[in-house]
Amino acid sequence: MKRTGRKKEWSVALFCVAFLVFFPPILSIFDKPVLLFGLPVAYIVLFGFWAVVIAAVAYGARRGTAGDDQNPSSVSRTSDQGEP
């Protein structure tokens, strides 16, 4: 499936943000000997951002409504033999 319009922009923006967040110099900012709820802050930040990225991917992958640029009911499907 080709992504067009806002879904493509969303995917590219999410990739860029996730790449920057998980970049080691950025993560090293949170690498401090401080514990929060008994866990190092770096672990909480790492897994917290990971959860946010997963939620954003789920949001971006959901099917659009009739007002979106891709309506699943308007997509024509054909088989490999050329039959409609």
C-alpha atoms as a PDB file:
ATOM      1  CA  MET A   1       0.000   0.000   0.000  1.00  0.00           C
ATOM      2  CA  LYS A   2       1.364   3.368  -0.973  1.00  0.00           C
ATOM      3  CA  ARG A   3       1.021   6.129   1.552  1.00  0.00           C
ATOM      4  CA  THR A   4      -0.114   9.441   0.173  1.00  0.00           C
ATOM      5  CA  GLY A   5      -0.879  12.846   1.577  1.00  0.00           C
ATOM      6  CA  ARG A   6      -0.963  13.255   5.320  1.00  0.00           C
ATOM      7  CA  LYS A   7      -0.203   9.611   6.115  1.00  0.00           C
ATOM      8  CA  LYS A   8       3.107   9.898   4.264  1.00  0.00           C
ATOM      9  CA  GLU A   9       3.943  13.152   6.026  1.00  0.00           C
ATOM     10  CA  TRP A  10       2.982  11.623   9.385  1.00  0.00           C
ATOM     11  CA  SER A  11       5.221   8.600   8.789  1.00  0.00           C
ATOM     12  CA  VAL A  12       8.231  10.705   7.820  1.00  0.00           C
ATOM     13  CA  ALA A  13       7.775  13.111  10.742  1.00  0.00           C
ATOM     14  CA  LEU A  14       7.380  10.259  13.216  1.00  0.00           C
ATOM     15  CA  PHE A  15      10.532   8.564  11.913  1.00  0.00           C
ATOM     16  CA  CYS A  16      12.544  11.781  12.240  1.00  0.00           C
ATOM     17  CA  VAL A  17      11.330  12.507  15.768  1.00  0.00           C
ATOM     18  CA  ALA A  18      11.906   8.920  16.921  1.00  0.00           C
ATOM     19  CA  PHE A  19      15.380   8.917  15.363  1.00  0.00           C
ATOM     20  CA  LEU A  20      16.301  12.071  17.256  1.00  0.00           C
ATOM     21  CA  VAL A  21      14.816  10.884  20.552  1.00  0.00           C
ATOM     22  CA  PHE A  22      16.616   7.530  20.465  1.00  0.00           C
ATOM     23  CA  PHE A  23      19.917   9.034  19.333  1.00  0.00           C
ATOM     24  CA  PRO A  24      22.561   8.146  21.979  1.00  0.00           C
ATOM     25  CA  PRO A  25      23.719  11.742  22.695  1.00  0.00           C
ATOM     26  CA  ILE A  26      20.118  12.728  23.432  1.00  0.00           C
ATOM     27  CA  LEU A  27      19.575   9.691  25.665  1.00  0.00           C
ATOM     28  CA  SER A  28      22.799  10.440  27.540  1.00  0.00           C
ATOM     29  CA  ILE A  29      21.198  13.664  28.797  1.00  0.00           C
ATOM     30  CA  PHE A  30      18.933  11.531  30.984  1.00  0.00           C
ATOM     31  CA  ASP A  31      21.709   9.179  32.157  1.00  0.00           C
ATOM     32  CA  LYS A  32      21.950  10.398  35.744  1.00  0.00           C
ATOM     33  CA  PRO A  33      22.355   8.464  38.991  1.00  0.00           C
ATOM     34  CA  VAL A  34      18.851   9.503  40.080  1.00  0.00           C
ATOM     35  CA  LEU A  35      16.161   6.918  40.765  1.00  0.00           C
ATOM     36  CA  LEU A  36      12.498   7.528  40.090  1.00  0.00           C
ATOM     37  CA  PHE A  37      10.108   4.857  41.388  1.00  0.00           C
ATOM     38  CA  GLY A  38      13.191   2.707  42.013  1.00  0.00           C
ATOM     39  CA  LEU A  39      14.309   2.850  38.357  1.00  0.00           C
ATOM     40  CA  PRO A  40      16.989   4.955  36.680  1.00  0.00           C
ATOM     41  CA  VAL A  41      15.585   8.013  34.902  1.00  0.00           C
ATOM     42  CA  ALA A  42      17.174   6.889  31.621  1.00  0.00           C
ATOM     43  CA  TYR A  43      15.074   3.687  31.636  1.00  0.00           C
ATOM     44  CA  ILE A  44      11.867   5.575  32.304  1.00  0.00           C
ATOM     45  CA  VAL A  45      12.573   8.082  29.535  1.00  0.00           C
ATOM     46  CA  LEU A  46      13.637   5.377  27.056  1.00  0.00           C
ATOM     47  CA  PHE A  47      10.611   3.140  27.593  1.00  0.00           C
ATOM     48  CA  GLY A  48       8.265   6.120  27.940  1.00  0.00           C
ATOM     49  CA  PHE A  49       9.294   7.512  24.554  1.00  0.00           C
ATOM     50  CA  TRP A  50       9.110   4.020  23.100  1.00  0.00           C
ATOM     51  CA  ALA A  51       5.502   3.702  24.283  1.00  0.00           C
ATOM     52  CA  VAL A  52       4.680   7.113  22.793  1.00  0.00           C
ATOM     53  CA  VAL A  53       6.179   6.113  19.431  1.00  0.00           C
ATOM     54  CA  ILE A  54       4.170   2.870  19.408  1.00  0.00           C
ATOM     55  CA  ALA A  55       0.978   4.797  20.208  1.00  0.00           C
ATOM     56  CA  ALA A  56       1.768   7.311  17.448  1.00  0.00           C
ATOM     57  CA  VAL A  57       2.332   4.504  14.918  1.00  0.00           C
ATOM     58  CA  ALA A  58      -1.002   2.955  15.926  1.00  0.00           C
ATOM     59  CA  TYR A  59      -2.708   6.329  15.526  1.00  0.00           C
ATOM     60  CA  GLY A  60      -1.102   6.908  12.124  1.00  0.00           C
ATOM     61  CA  ALA A  61      -1.918   3.409  10.886  1.00  0.00           C
ATOM     62  CA  ARG A  62      -5.624   3.531  11.693  1.00  0.00           C
ATOM     63  CA  ARG A  63      -8.090   3.577   8.846  1.00  0.00           C
ATOM     64  CA  GLY A  64      -9.369   6.938   7.735  1.00  0.00           C
ATOM     65  CA  THR A  65     -12.951   8.134   7.702  1.00  0.00           C
ATOM     66  CA  ALA A  66     -14.948   9.132   4.616  1.00  0.00           C
ATOM     67  CA  GLY A  67     -13.458  12.638   4.800  1.00  0.00           C
ATOM     68  CA  ASP A  68      -9.853  11.419   4.603  1.00  0.00           C
ATOM     69  CA  ASP A  69      -7.886  11.217   1.365  1.00  0.00           C
ATOM     70  CA  GLN A  70      -7.986   7.391   1.347  1.00  0.00           C
ATOM     71  CA  ASN A  71     -11.379   5.728   1.568  1.00  0.00           C
ATOM     72  CA  PRO A  72     -11.008   1.912   1.734  1.00  0.00           C
ATOM     73  CA  SER A  73     -14.385   1.348   0.058  1.00  0.00           C
ATOM     74  CA  SER A  74     -13.332   3.301  -3.043  1.00  0.00           C
ATOM     75  CA  VAL A  75     -10.166   1.260  -3.646  1.00  0.00           C
ATOM     76  CA  SER A  76     -10.604  -1.239  -6.444  1.00  0.00           C
ATOM     77  CA  ARG A  77      -9.189  -4.715  -5.919  1.00  0.00           C
ATOM     78  CA  THR A  78      -8.065  -7.040  -8.663  1.00  0.00           C
ATOM     79  CA  SER A  79      -6.563 -10.484  -8.533  1.00  0.00           C
ATOM     80  CA  ASP A  80      -3.315 -11.646 -10.125  1.00  0.00           C
ATOM     81  CA  GLN A  81      -5.202 -13.345 -13.008  1.00  0.00           C
ATOM     82  CA  GLY A  82      -6.729 -10.049 -14.114  1.00  0.00           C
ATOM     83  CA  GLU A  83     -10.211 -10.892 -12.888  1.00  0.00           C
ATOM     84  CA  PRO A  84     -12.116  -8.046 -11.228  1.00  0.00           C
END
